[in-house]
Amino acid sequence: MHSTLIVARMDIESSAEVGRLFAEFDRTEMPHRMGTRRRQLFAYKGLYFHLQDFDADNGGELIEDAKTDPRFVQISDDLKPFIEAYDPATWRSPADAMATRFYDWTADTTGGHR
């Protein structure tokens, strides 16, 4: 499984509306089209974290392909009043807000130690 984490700024008061917008979006076939397996949204002291898990490492490519879909364009527009780029001076796309993974650990589900 491949994961991405987008970091942005969001007023905590907006979390219910942002969650509602994603709930509507995730009821469509768009997550499947983008290869999304799971989406989790977090807020902490004015920061927004969007964790998205994909079946494969090609999630970025699938999202790029989906960017022209009217539903993708619509949710992007709907989120603009609530989500602000972490660093507006350098932001051009969500890729500019993605955190870099520097450590990964997975539990051994066979009961042994790794």
PDB file of N, CA and C in Angstrom:
ATOM      1  N   MET A   1       0.853  -1.172   0.000  1.00  0.00           N
ATOM      2  CA  MET A   1       0.000   0.000   0.000  1.00  0.00           C
ATOM      3  C   MET A   1       0.901   1.237   0.000  1.00  0.00           C
ATOM      4  N   HIS A   2       0.488   2.263  -0.706  1.00  0.00           N
ATOM      5  CA  HIS A   2       1.205   3.529  -0.790  1.00  0.00           C
ATOM      6  C   HIS A   2       0.361   4.607  -0.113  1.00  0.00           C
ATOM      7  N   SER A   3       1.004   5.499   0.624  1.00  0.00           N
ATOM      8  CA  SER A   3       0.291   6.577   1.313  1.00  0.00           C
ATOM      9  C   SER A   3       0.858   7.923   0.929  1.00  0.00           C
ATOM     10  N   THR A   4      -0.019   8.937   0.942  1.00  0.00           N
ATOM     11  CA  THR A   4       0.430  10.318   0.803  1.00  0.00           C
ATOM     12  C   THR A   4      -0.170  11.109   1.961  1.00  0.00           C
ATOM     13  N   LEU A   5       0.548  12.150   2.358  1.00  0.00           N
ATOM     14  CA  LEU A   5       0.073  13.022   3.424  1.00  0.00           C
ATOM     15  C   LEU A   5       0.210  14.464   2.947  1.00  0.00           C
ATOM     16  N   ILE A   6      -0.927  15.130   2.812  1.00  0.00           N
ATOM     17  CA  ILE A   6      -0.945  16.535   2.410  1.00  0.00           C
ATOM     18  C   ILE A   6      -1.104  17.375   3.680  1.00  0.00           C
ATOM     19  N   VAL A   7      -0.293  18.419   3.790  1.00  0.00           N
ATOM     20  CA  VAL A   7      -0.330  19.320   4.928  1.00  0.00           C
ATOM     21  C   VAL A   7      -0.749  20.704   4.434  1.00  0.00           C
ATOM     22  N   ALA A   8      -1.733  21.284   5.106  1.00  0.00           N
ATOM     23  CA  ALA A   8      -2.215  22.619   4.742  1.00  0.00           C
ATOM     24  C   ALA A   8      -2.678  23.323   6.007  1.00  0.00           C
ATOM     25  N   ARG A   9      -3.294  24.457   5.827  1.00  0.00           N
ATOM     26  CA  ARG A   9      -3.837  25.211   6.963  1.00  0.00           C
ATOM     27  C   ARG A   9      -5.364  25.196   6.885  1.00  0.00           C
ATOM     28  N   MET A  10      -5.988  25.065   8.069  1.00  0.00           N
ATOM     29  CA  MET A  10      -7.446  25.029   8.131  1.00  0.00           C
ATOM     30  C   MET A  10      -7.892  25.478   9.515  1.00  0.00           C
ATOM     31  N   ASP A  11      -8.898  26.310   9.571  1.00  0.00           N
ATOM     32  CA  ASP A  11      -9.516  26.680  10.839  1.00  0.00           C
ATOM     33  C   ASP A  11     -10.295  25.457  11.334  1.00  0.00           C
ATOM     34  N   ILE A  12     -10.090  25.065  12.572  1.00  0.00           N
ATOM     35  CA  ILE A  12     -10.755  23.880  13.140  1.00  0.00           C
ATOM     36  C   ILE A  12     -12.276  23.984  13.017  1.00  0.00           C
ATOM     37  N   GLU A  13     -12.802  25.193  12.991  1.00  0.00           N
ATOM     38  CA  GLU A  13     -14.248  25.390  12.845  1.00  0.00           C
ATOM     39  C   GLU A  13     -14.757  24.867  11.497  1.00  0.00           C
ATOM     40  N   SER A  14     -13.874  24.712  10.535  1.00  0.00           N
ATOM     41  CA  SER A  14     -14.259  24.253   9.197  1.00  0.00           C
ATOM     42  C   SER A  14     -14.257  22.736   9.061  1.00  0.00           C
ATOM     43  N   SER A  15     -13.813  22.036  10.080  1.00  0.00           N
ATOM     44  CA  SER A  15     -13.628  20.586   9.938  1.00  0.00           C
ATOM     45  C   SER A  15     -14.917  19.847   9.594  1.00  0.00           C
ATOM     46  N   ALA A  16     -16.035  20.230  10.150  1.00  0.00           N
ATOM     47  CA  ALA A  16     -17.296  19.535   9.843  1.00  0.00           C
ATOM     48  C   ALA A  16     -17.661  19.709   8.373  1.00  0.00           C
ATOM     49  N   GLU A  17     -17.511  20.922   7.850  1.00  0.00           N
ATOM     50  CA  GLU A  17     -17.855  21.170   6.445  1.00  0.00           C
ATOM     51  C   GLU A  17     -16.882  20.459   5.508  1.00  0.00           C
ATOM     52  N   VAL A  18     -15.614  20.486   5.826  1.00  0.00           N
ATOM     53  CA  VAL A  18     -14.622  19.786   5.006  1.00  0.00           C
ATOM     54  C   VAL A  18     -14.913  18.288   5.024  1.00  0.00           C
ATOM     55  N   GLY A  19     -15.225  17.744   6.187  1.00  0.00           N
ATOM     56  CA  GLY A  19     -15.579  16.328   6.276  1.00  0.00           C
ATOM     57  C   GLY A  19     -16.814  15.999   5.458  1.00  0.00           C
ATOM     58  N   ARG A  20     -17.807  16.878   5.493  1.00  0.00           N
ATOM     59  CA  ARG A  20     -19.029  16.668   4.709  1.00  0.00           C
ATOM     60  C   ARG A  20     -18.727  16.660   3.212  1.00  0.00           C
ATOM     61  N   LEU A  21     -17.891  17.595   2.764  1.00  0.00           N
ATOM     62  CA  LEU A  21     -17.542  17.656   1.340  1.00  0.00           C
ATOM     63  C   LEU A  21     -16.843  16.377   0.895  1.00  0.00           C
ATOM     64  N   PHE A  22     -15.916  15.871   1.707  1.00  0.00           N
ATOM     65  CA  PHE A  22     -15.239  14.636   1.341  1.00  0.00           C
ATOM     66  C   PHE A  22     -16.168  13.428   1.431  1.00  0.00           C
ATOM     67  N   ALA A  23     -17.097  13.432   2.374  1.00  0.00           N
ATOM     68  CA  ALA A  23     -18.054  12.319   2.471  1.00  0.00           C
ATOM     69  C   ALA A  23     -18.885  12.229   1.192  1.00  0.00           C
ATOM     70  N   GLU A  24     -19.329  13.374   0.669  1.00  0.00           N
ATOM     71  CA  GLU A  24     -20.082  13.378  -0.585  1.00  0.00           C
ATOM     72  C   GLU A  24     -19.217  12.894  -1.745  1.00  0.00           C
ATOM     73  N   PHE A  25     -17.999  13.385  -1.811  1.00  0.00           N
ATOM     74  CA  PHE A  25     -17.067  13.005  -2.872  1.00  0.00           C
ATOM     75  C   PHE A  25     -16.758  11.510  -2.818  1.00  0.00           C
ATOM     76  N   ASP A  26     -16.554  10.983  -1.615  1.00  0.00           N
ATOM     77  CA  ASP A  26     -16.179   9.579  -1.457  1.00  0.00           C
ATOM     78  C   ASP A  26     -17.344   8.619  -1.709  1.00  0.00           C
ATOM     79  N   ARG A  27     -18.568   9.138  -1.778  1.00  0.00           N
ATOM     80  CA  ARG A  27     -19.714   8.291  -2.132  1.00  0.00           C
ATOM     81  C   ARG A  27     -19.814   8.078  -3.644  1.00  0.00           C
ATOM     82  N   THR A  28     -19.022   8.808  -4.412  1.00  0.00           N
ATOM     83  CA  THR A  28     -19.004   8.628  -5.866  1.00  0.00           C
ATOM     84  C   THR A  28     -17.964   7.567  -6.215  1.00  0.00           C
ATOM     85  N   GLU A  29     -17.780   7.309  -7.497  1.00  0.00           N
ATOM     86  CA  GLU A  29     -16.750   6.349  -7.915  1.00  0.00           C
ATOM     87  C   GLU A  29     -15.369   6.982  -8.005  1.00  0.00           C
ATOM     88  N   MET A  30     -15.255   8.275  -7.665  1.00  0.00           N
ATOM     89  CA  MET A  30     -13.973   8.963  -7.775  1.00  0.00           C
ATOM     90  C   MET A  30     -12.856   8.321  -6.950  1.00  0.00           C
ATOM     91  N   PRO A  31     -13.075   7.922  -5.699  1.00  0.00           N
ATOM     92  CA  PRO A  31     -11.980   7.267  -4.971  1.00  0.00           C
ATOM     93  C   PRO A  31     -11.468   6.024  -5.708  1.00  0.00           C
ATOM     94  N   HIS A  32     -12.383   5.242  -6.248  1.00  0.00           N
ATOM     95  CA  HIS A  32     -11.972   4.047  -6.993  1.00  0.00           C
ATOM     96  C   HIS A  32     -11.171   4.443  -8.233  1.00  0.00           C
ATOM     97  N   ARG A  33     -11.636   5.470  -8.927  1.00  0.00           N
ATOM     98  CA  ARG A  33     -10.935   5.933 -10.133  1.00  0.00           C
ATOM     99  C   ARG A  33      -9.514   6.384  -9.813  1.00  0.00           C
ATOM    100  N   MET A  34      -9.330   6.976  -8.622  1.00  0.00           N
ATOM    101  CA  MET A  34      -8.010   7.468  -8.230  1.00  0.00           C
ATOM    102  C   MET A  34      -7.180   6.392  -7.523  1.00  0.00           C
ATOM    103  N   GLY A  35      -7.765   5.216  -7.293  1.00  0.00           N
ATOM    104  CA  GLY A  35      -7.041   4.155  -6.610  1.00  0.00           C
ATOM    105  C   GLY A  35      -6.987   4.328  -5.100  1.00  0.00           C
ATOM    106  N   THR A  36      -7.848   5.184  -4.570  1.00  0.00           N
ATOM    107  CA  THR A  36      -7.855   5.461  -3.135  1.00  0.00           C
ATOM    108  C   THR A  36      -8.452   4.293  -2.377  1.00  0.00           C
ATOM    109  N   ARG A  37      -7.718   3.812  -1.406  1.00  0.00           N
ATOM    110  CA  ARG A  37      -8.184   2.724  -0.547  1.00  0.00           C
ATOM    111  C   ARG A  37      -8.806   3.290   0.737  1.00  0.00           C
ATOM    112  N   ARG A  38      -8.166   4.347   1.263  1.00  0.00           N
ATOM    113  CA  ARG A  38      -8.639   4.944   2.514  1.00  0.00           C
ATOM    114  C   ARG A  38      -8.224   6.414   2.550  1.00  0.00           C
ATOM    115  N   ARG A  39      -9.089   7.239   3.152  1.00  0.00           N
ATOM    116  CA  ARG A  39      -8.802   8.661   3.344  1.00  0.00           C
ATOM    117  C   ARG A  39      -9.059   8.979   4.813  1.00  0.00           C
ATOM    118  N   GLN A  40      -8.130   9.691   5.425  1.00  0.00           N
ATOM    119  CA  GLN A  40      -8.309  10.163   6.789  1.00  0.00           C
ATOM    120  C   GLN A  40      -7.921  11.639   6.838  1.00  0.00           C
ATOM    121  N   LEU A  41      -8.731  12.430   7.526  1.00  0.00           N
ATOM    122  CA  LEU A  41      -8.473  13.853   7.675  1.00  0.00           C
ATOM    123  C   LEU A  41      -8.223  14.153   9.150  1.00  0.00           C
ATOM    124  N   PHE A  42      -7.197  14.966   9.407  1.00  0.00           N
ATOM    125  CA  PHE A  42      -6.835  15.330  10.774  1.00  0.00           C
ATOM    126  C   PHE A  42      -6.671  16.841  10.853  1.00  0.00           C
ATOM    127  N   ALA A  43      -6.925  17.392  12.031  1.00  0.00           N
ATOM    128  CA  ALA A  43      -6.683  18.813  12.285  1.00  0.00           C
ATOM    129  C   ALA A  43      -5.902  18.934  13.579  1.00  0.00           C
ATOM    130  N   TYR A  44      -4.957  19.877  13.582  1.00  0.00           N
ATOM    131  CA  TYR A  44      -4.171  20.128  14.787  1.00  0.00           C
ATOM    132  C   TYR A  44      -3.676  21.564  14.761  1.00  0.00           C
ATOM    133  N   LYS A  45      -4.159  22.371  15.703  1.00  0.00           N
ATOM    134  CA  LYS A  45      -3.698  23.745  15.892  1.00  0.00           C
ATOM    135  C   LYS A  45      -3.573  24.531  14.584  1.00  0.00           C
ATOM    136  N   GLY A  46      -4.653  24.543  13.829  1.00  0.00           N
ATOM    137  CA  GLY A  46      -4.674  25.316  12.591  1.00  0.00           C
ATOM    138  C   GLY A  46      -4.087  24.605  11.391  1.00  0.00           C
ATOM    139  N   LEU A  47      -3.660  23.361  11.573  1.00  0.00           N
ATOM    140  CA  LEU A  47      -3.114  22.585  10.462  1.00  0.00           C
ATOM    141  C   LEU A  47      -4.105  21.510  10.048  1.00  0.00           C
ATOM    142  N   TYR A  48      -4.066  21.177   8.801  1.00  0.00           N
ATOM    143  CA  TYR A  48      -4.924  20.166   8.177  1.00  0.00           C
ATOM    144  C   TYR A  48      -4.005  19.090   7.618  1.00  0.00           C
ATOM    145  N   PHE A  49      -4.318  17.839   7.912  1.00  0.00           N
ATOM    146  CA  PHE A  49      -3.549  16.701   7.417  1.00  0.00           C
ATOM    147  C   PHE A  49      -4.501  15.774   6.674  1.00  0.00           C
ATOM    148  N   HIS A  50      -4.169  15.472   5.451  1.00  0.00           N
ATOM    149  CA  HIS A  50      -5.002  14.629   4.587  1.00  0.00           C
ATOM    150  C   HIS A  50      -4.181  13.400   4.231  1.00  0.00           C
ATOM    151  N   LEU A  51      -4.468  12.297   4.924  1.00  0.00           N
ATOM    152  CA  LEU A  51      -3.769  11.038   4.697  1.00  0.00           C
ATOM    153  C   LEU A  51      -4.598  10.193   3.742  1.00  0.00           C
ATOM    154  N   GLN A  52      -3.967   9.802   2.652  1.00  0.00           N
ATOM    155  CA  GLN A  52      -4.663   9.020   1.634  1.00  0.00           C
ATOM    156  C   GLN A  52      -3.833   7.777   1.332  1.00  0.00           C
ATOM    157  N   ASP A  53      -4.481   6.621   1.405  1.00  0.00           N
ATOM    158  CA  ASP A  53      -3.824   5.341   1.114  1.00  0.00           C
ATOM    159  C   ASP A  53      -4.299   4.820  -0.226  1.00  0.00           C
ATOM    160  N   PHE A  54      -3.353   4.283  -0.981  1.00  0.00           N
ATOM    161  CA  PHE A  54      -3.621   3.744  -2.309  1.00  0.00           C
ATOM    162  C   PHE A  54      -3.207   2.281  -2.363  1.00  0.00           C
ATOM    163  N   ASP A  55      -3.853   1.529  -3.243  1.00  0.00           N
ATOM    164  CA  ASP A  55      -3.491   0.128  -3.433  1.00  0.00           C
ATOM    165  C   ASP A  55      -2.069  -0.008  -3.968  1.00  0.00           C
ATOM    166  N   ALA A  56      -1.657   0.922  -4.802  1.00  0.00           N
ATOM    167  CA  ALA A  56      -0.351   0.822  -5.453  1.00  0.00           C
ATOM    168  C   ALA A  56       0.340   2.177  -5.438  1.00  0.00           C
ATOM    169  N   ASP A  57       1.573   2.206  -5.859  1.00  0.00           N
ATOM    170  CA  ASP A  57       2.394   3.405  -5.854  1.00  0.00           C
ATOM    171  C   ASP A  57       2.041   4.365  -6.992  1.00  0.00           C
ATOM    172  N   ASN A  58       1.026   4.051  -7.778  1.00  0.00           N
ATOM    173  CA  ASN A  58       0.674   4.914  -8.905  1.00  0.00           C
ATOM    174  C   ASN A  58      -0.485   5.853  -8.581  1.00  0.00           C
ATOM    175  N   GLY A  59      -0.784   6.066  -7.291  1.00  0.00           N
ATOM    176  CA  GLY A  59      -1.874   6.959  -6.892  1.00  0.00           C
ATOM    177  C   GLY A  59      -1.724   8.350  -7.458  1.00  0.00           C
ATOM    178  N   GLY A  60      -0.499   8.857  -7.463  1.00  0.00           N
ATOM    179  CA  GLY A  60      -0.265  10.190  -8.010  1.00  0.00           C
ATOM    180  C   GLY A  60      -0.629  10.282  -9.474  1.00  0.00           C
ATOM    181  N   GLU A  61      -0.292   9.248 -10.231  1.00  0.00           N
ATOM    182  CA  GLU A  61      -0.621   9.226 -11.661  1.00  0.00           C
ATOM    183  C   GLU A  61      -2.131   9.186 -11.863  1.00  0.00           C
ATOM    184  N   LEU A  62      -2.816   8.368 -11.070  1.00  0.00           N
ATOM    185  CA  LEU A  62      -4.264   8.258 -11.201  1.00  0.00           C
ATOM    186  C   LEU A  62      -4.944   9.566 -10.816  1.00  0.00           C
ATOM    187  N   ILE A  63      -4.426  10.238  -9.799  1.00  0.00           N
ATOM    188  CA  ILE A  63      -4.995  11.530  -9.414  1.00  0.00           C
ATOM    189  C   ILE A  63      -4.774  12.546 -10.523  1.00  0.00           C
ATOM    190  N   GLU A  64      -3.594  12.547 -11.109  1.00  0.00           N
ATOM    191  CA  GLU A  64      -3.335  13.459 -12.232  1.00  0.00           C
ATOM    192  C   GLU A  64      -4.351  13.237 -13.344  1.00  0.00           C
ATOM    193  N   ASP A  65      -4.650  11.978 -13.636  1.00  0.00           N
ATOM    194  CA  ASP A  65      -5.631  11.655 -14.673  1.00  0.00           C
ATOM    195  C   ASP A  65      -7.040  12.120 -14.285  1.00  0.00           C
ATOM    196  N   ALA A  66      -7.340  12.092 -12.984  1.00  0.00           N
ATOM    197  CA  ALA A  66      -8.687  12.438 -12.519  1.00  0.00           C
ATOM    198  C   ALA A  66      -8.889  13.942 -12.361  1.00  0.00           C
ATOM    199  N   LYS A  67      -7.827  14.727 -12.393  1.00  0.00           N
ATOM    200  CA  LYS A  67      -7.914  16.166 -12.117  1.00  0.00           C
ATOM    201  C   LYS A  67      -8.865  16.920 -13.048  1.00  0.00           C
ATOM    202  N   THR A  68      -9.100  16.414 -14.228  1.00  0.00           N
ATOM    203  CA  THR A  68      -9.995  17.103 -15.165  1.00  0.00           C
ATOM    204  C   THR A  68     -11.456  16.674 -15.005  1.00  0.00           C
ATOM    205  N   ASP A  69     -11.706  15.652 -14.204  1.00  0.00           N
ATOM    206  CA  ASP A  69     -13.067  15.198 -13.966  1.00  0.00           C
ATOM    207  C   ASP A  69     -13.832  16.321 -13.249  1.00  0.00           C
ATOM    208  N   PRO A  70     -15.035  16.644 -13.702  1.00  0.00           N
ATOM    209  CA  PRO A  70     -15.800  17.733 -13.077  1.00  0.00           C
ATOM    210  C   PRO A  70     -15.991  17.565 -11.571  1.00  0.00           C
ATOM    211  N   ARG A  71     -16.078  16.334 -11.079  1.00  0.00           N
ATOM    212  CA  ARG A  71     -16.243  16.113  -9.631  1.00  0.00           C
ATOM    213  C   ARG A  71     -14.981  16.481  -8.870  1.00  0.00           C
ATOM    214  N   PHE A  72     -13.814  16.200  -9.452  1.00  0.00           N
ATOM    215  CA  PHE A  72     -12.548  16.567  -8.830  1.00  0.00           C
ATOM    216  C   PHE A  72     -12.408  18.088  -8.820  1.00  0.00           C
ATOM    217  N   VAL A  73     -12.735  18.713  -9.952  1.00  0.00           N
ATOM    218  CA  VAL A  73     -12.677  20.176 -10.052  1.00  0.00           C
ATOM    219  C   VAL A  73     -13.630  20.798  -9.029  1.00  0.00           C
ATOM    220  N   GLN A  74     -14.824  20.209  -8.897  1.00  0.00           N
ATOM    221  CA  GLN A  74     -15.827  20.756  -7.972  1.00  0.00           C
ATOM    222  C   GLN A  74     -15.365  20.678  -6.525  1.00  0.00           C
ATOM    223  N   ILE A  75     -14.844  19.528  -6.086  1.00  0.00           N
ATOM    224  CA  ILE A  75     -14.429  19.446  -4.678  1.00  0.00           C
ATOM    225  C   ILE A  75     -13.237  20.364  -4.428  1.00  0.00           C
ATOM    226  N   SER A  76     -12.368  20.500  -5.400  1.00  0.00           N
ATOM    227  CA  SER A  76     -11.233  21.422  -5.244  1.00  0.00           C
ATOM    228  C   SER A  76     -11.737  22.850  -5.037  1.00  0.00           C
ATOM    229  N   ASP A  77     -12.716  23.253  -5.834  1.00  0.00           N
ATOM    230  CA  ASP A  77     -13.296  24.589  -5.695  1.00  0.00           C
ATOM    231  C   ASP A  77     -14.047  24.737  -4.370  1.00  0.00           C
ATOM    232  N   ASP A  78     -14.799  23.699  -3.981  1.00  0.00           N
ATOM    233  CA  ASP A  78     -15.577  23.748  -2.746  1.00  0.00           C
ATOM    234  C   ASP A  78     -14.680  23.849  -1.508  1.00  0.00           C
ATOM    235  N   LEU A  79     -13.480  23.286  -1.577  1.00  0.00           N
ATOM    236  CA  LEU A  79     -12.574  23.297  -0.431  1.00  0.00           C
ATOM    237  C   LEU A  79     -11.791  24.606  -0.291  1.00  0.00           C
ATOM    238  N   LYS A  80     -11.720  25.392  -1.354  1.00  0.00           N
ATOM    239  CA  LYS A  80     -10.903  26.619  -1.333  1.00  0.00           C
ATOM    240  C   LYS A  80     -11.226  27.569  -0.180  1.00  0.00           C
ATOM    241  N   PRO A  81     -12.488  27.760   0.204  1.00  0.00           N
ATOM    242  CA  PRO A  81     -12.747  28.669   1.327  1.00  0.00           C
ATOM    243  C   PRO A  81     -12.252  28.135   2.681  1.00  0.00           C
ATOM    244  N   PHE A  82     -11.959  26.838   2.747  1.00  0.00           N
ATOM    245  CA  PHE A  82     -11.631  26.211   4.026  1.00  0.00           C
ATOM    246  C   PHE A  82     -10.172  25.788   4.167  1.00  0.00           C
ATOM    247  N   ILE A  83      -9.551  25.400   3.072  1.00  0.00           N
ATOM    248  CA  ILE A  83      -8.191  24.871   3.096  1.00  0.00           C
ATOM    249  C   ILE A  83      -7.260  25.885   2.427  1.00  0.00           C
ATOM    250  N   GLU A  84      -6.206  26.245   3.134  1.00  0.00           N
ATOM    251  CA  GLU A  84      -5.223  27.196   2.607  1.00  0.00           C
ATOM    252  C   GLU A  84      -3.866  26.504   2.525  1.00  0.00           C
ATOM    253  N   ALA A  85      -3.130  26.794   1.499  1.00  0.00           N
ATOM    254  CA  ALA A  85      -1.800  26.202   1.336  1.00  0.00           C
ATOM    255  C   ALA A  85      -0.946  26.490   2.562  1.00  0.00           C
ATOM    256  N   TYR A  86      -0.163  25.523   2.961  1.00  0.00           N
ATOM    257  CA  TYR A  86       0.747  25.713   4.091  1.00  0.00           C
ATOM    258  C   TYR A  86       1.730  26.835   3.776  1.00  0.00           C
ATOM    259  N   ASP A  87       2.267  26.833   2.557  1.00  0.00           N
ATOM    260  CA  ASP A  87       3.188  27.866   2.115  1.00  0.00           C
ATOM    261  C   ASP A  87       2.696  28.398   0.764  1.00  0.00           C
ATOM    262  N   PRO A  88       1.837  29.413   0.780  1.00  0.00           N
ATOM    263  CA  PRO A  88       1.264  29.914  -0.471  1.00  0.00           C
ATOM    264  C   PRO A  88       2.305  30.367  -1.495  1.00  0.00           C
ATOM    265  N   ALA A  89       3.471  30.763  -1.048  1.00  0.00           N
ATOM    266  CA  ALA A  89       4.504  31.244  -1.973  1.00  0.00           C
ATOM    267  C   ALA A  89       5.052  30.136  -2.866  1.00  0.00           C
ATOM    268  N   THR A  90       4.990  28.897  -2.394  1.00  0.00           N
ATOM    269  CA  THR A  90       5.560  27.794  -3.178  1.00  0.00           C
ATOM    270  C   THR A  90       4.514  26.823  -3.701  1.00  0.00           C
ATOM    271  N   TRP A  91       3.246  27.008  -3.341  1.00  0.00           N
ATOM    272  CA  TRP A  91       2.215  26.039  -3.717  1.00  0.00           C
ATOM    273  C   TRP A  91       1.753  26.239  -5.149  1.00  0.00           C
ATOM    274  N   ARG A  92       1.816  25.150  -5.926  1.00  0.00           N
ATOM    275  CA  ARG A  92       1.283  25.134  -7.286  1.00  0.00           C
ATOM    276  C   ARG A  92       0.269  24.004  -7.455  1.00  0.00           C
ATOM    277  N   SER A  93       0.443  22.929  -6.681  1.00  0.00           N
ATOM    278  CA  SER A  93      -0.464  21.784  -6.743  1.00  0.00           C
ATOM    279  C   SER A  93      -0.364  21.039  -5.418  1.00  0.00           C
ATOM    280  N   PRO A  94      -1.265  20.068  -5.158  1.00  0.00           N
ATOM    281  CA  PRO A  94      -1.169  19.307  -3.914  1.00  0.00           C
ATOM    282  C   PRO A  94       0.199  18.646  -3.703  1.00  0.00           C
ATOM    283  N   ALA A  95       0.902  18.349  -4.783  1.00  0.00           N
ATOM    284  CA  ALA A  95       2.237  17.737  -4.645  1.00  0.00           C
ATOM    285  C   ALA A  95       3.186  18.653  -3.876  1.00  0.00           C
ATOM    286  N   ASP A  96       2.960  19.964  -3.938  1.00  0.00           N
ATOM    287  CA  ASP A  96       3.811  20.912  -3.220  1.00  0.00           C
ATOM    288  C   ASP A  96       3.509  20.944  -1.725  1.00  0.00           C
ATOM    289  N   ALA A  97       2.475  20.253  -1.304  1.00  0.00           N
ATOM    290  CA  ALA A  97       2.094  20.225   0.107  1.00  0.00           C
ATOM    291  C   ALA A  97       2.228  18.832   0.709  1.00  0.00           C
ATOM    292  N   MET A  98       2.821  17.901  -0.036  1.00  0.00           N
ATOM    293  CA  MET A  98       2.937  16.531   0.454  1.00  0.00           C
ATOM    294  C   MET A  98       4.154  16.369   1.343  1.00  0.00           C
ATOM    295  N   ALA A  99       3.902  15.773   2.489  1.00  0.00           N
ATOM    296  CA  ALA A  99       4.985  15.475   3.420  1.00  0.00           C
ATOM    297  C   ALA A  99       5.844  14.354   2.840  1.00  0.00           C
ATOM    298  N   THR A 100       7.089  14.317   3.255  1.00  0.00           N
ATOM    299  CA  THR A 100       8.016  13.282   2.813  1.00  0.00           C
ATOM    300  C   THR A 100       8.166  12.242   3.915  1.00  0.00           C
ATOM    301  N   ARG A 101       7.898  11.007   3.581  1.00  0.00           N
ATOM    302  CA  ARG A 101       8.054   9.934   4.560  1.00  0.00           C
ATOM    303  C   ARG A 101       9.539   9.676   4.770  1.00  0.00           C
ATOM    304  N   PHE A 102       9.948   9.607   6.030  1.00  0.00           N
ATOM    305  CA  PHE A 102      11.346   9.317   6.311  1.00  0.00           C
ATOM    306  C   PHE A 102      11.522   8.102   7.210  1.00  0.00           C
ATOM    307  N   TYR A 103      10.398   7.472   7.609  1.00  0.00           N
ATOM    308  CA  TYR A 103      10.464   6.238   8.399  1.00  0.00           C
ATOM    309  C   TYR A 103       9.162   5.491   8.198  1.00  0.00           C
ATOM    310  N   ASP A 104       9.236   4.176   8.129  1.00  0.00           N
ATOM    311  CA  ASP A 104       8.056   3.351   7.946  1.00  0.00           C
ATOM    312  C   ASP A 104       8.245   2.053   8.708  1.00  0.00           C
ATOM    313  N   TRP A 105       7.262   1.650   9.471  1.00  0.00           N
ATOM    314  CA  TRP A 105       7.292   0.390  10.202  1.00  0.00           C
ATOM    315  C   TRP A 105       5.932  -0.254  10.051  1.00  0.00           C
ATOM    316  N   THR A 106       5.928  -1.557   9.863  1.00  0.00           N
ATOM    317  CA  THR A 106       4.685  -2.314   9.754  1.00  0.00           C
ATOM    318  C   THR A 106       4.758  -3.504  10.695  1.00  0.00           C
ATOM    319  N   ALA A 107       3.678  -3.736  11.414  1.00  0.00           N
ATOM    320  CA  ALA A 107       3.648  -4.867  12.333  1.00  0.00           C
ATOM    321  C   ALA A 107       3.697  -6.180  11.560  1.00  0.00           C
ATOM    322  N   ASP A 108       4.358  -7.141  12.146  1.00  0.00           N
ATOM    323  CA  ASP A 108       4.417  -8.484  11.579  1.00  0.00           C
ATOM    324  C   ASP A 108       3.126  -9.190  11.987  1.00  0.00           C
ATOM    325  N   THR A 109       2.269  -9.462  11.027  1.00  0.00           N
ATOM    326  CA  THR A 109       0.972 -10.059  11.322  1.00  0.00           C
ATOM    327  C   THR A 109       1.034 -11.572  11.487  1.00  0.00           C
ATOM    328  N   THR A 110       2.222 -12.169  11.337  1.00  0.00           N
ATOM    329  CA  THR A 110       2.349 -13.618  11.504  1.00  0.00           C
ATOM    330  C   THR A 110       2.612 -13.998  12.942  1.00  0.00           C
ATOM    331  N   GLY A 111       2.794 -12.992  13.814  1.00  0.00           N
ATOM    332  CA  GLY A 111       3.031 -13.273  15.226  1.00  0.00           C
ATOM    333  C   GLY A 111       4.499 -13.314  15.596  1.00  0.00           C
ATOM    334  N   GLY A 112       5.376 -13.257  14.620  1.00  0.00           N
ATOM    335  CA  GLY A 112       6.816 -13.252  14.901  1.00  0.00           C
ATOM    336  C   GLY A 112       7.326 -11.840  15.083  1.00  0.00           C
ATOM    337  N   HIS A 113       8.613 -11.727  15.278  1.00  0.00           N
ATOM    338  CA  HIS A 113       9.239 -10.411  15.411  1.00  0.00           C
ATOM    339  C   HIS A 113       9.972 -10.085  14.148  1.00  0.00           C
ATOM    340  N   ARG A 114      10.041  -8.824  13.832  1.00  0.00           N
ATOM    341  CA  ARG A 114      10.764  -8.378  12.645  1.00  0.00           C
ATOM    342  C   ARG A 114      12.095  -7.832  13.027  1.00  0.00           C
TER     343      ARG A 114
END
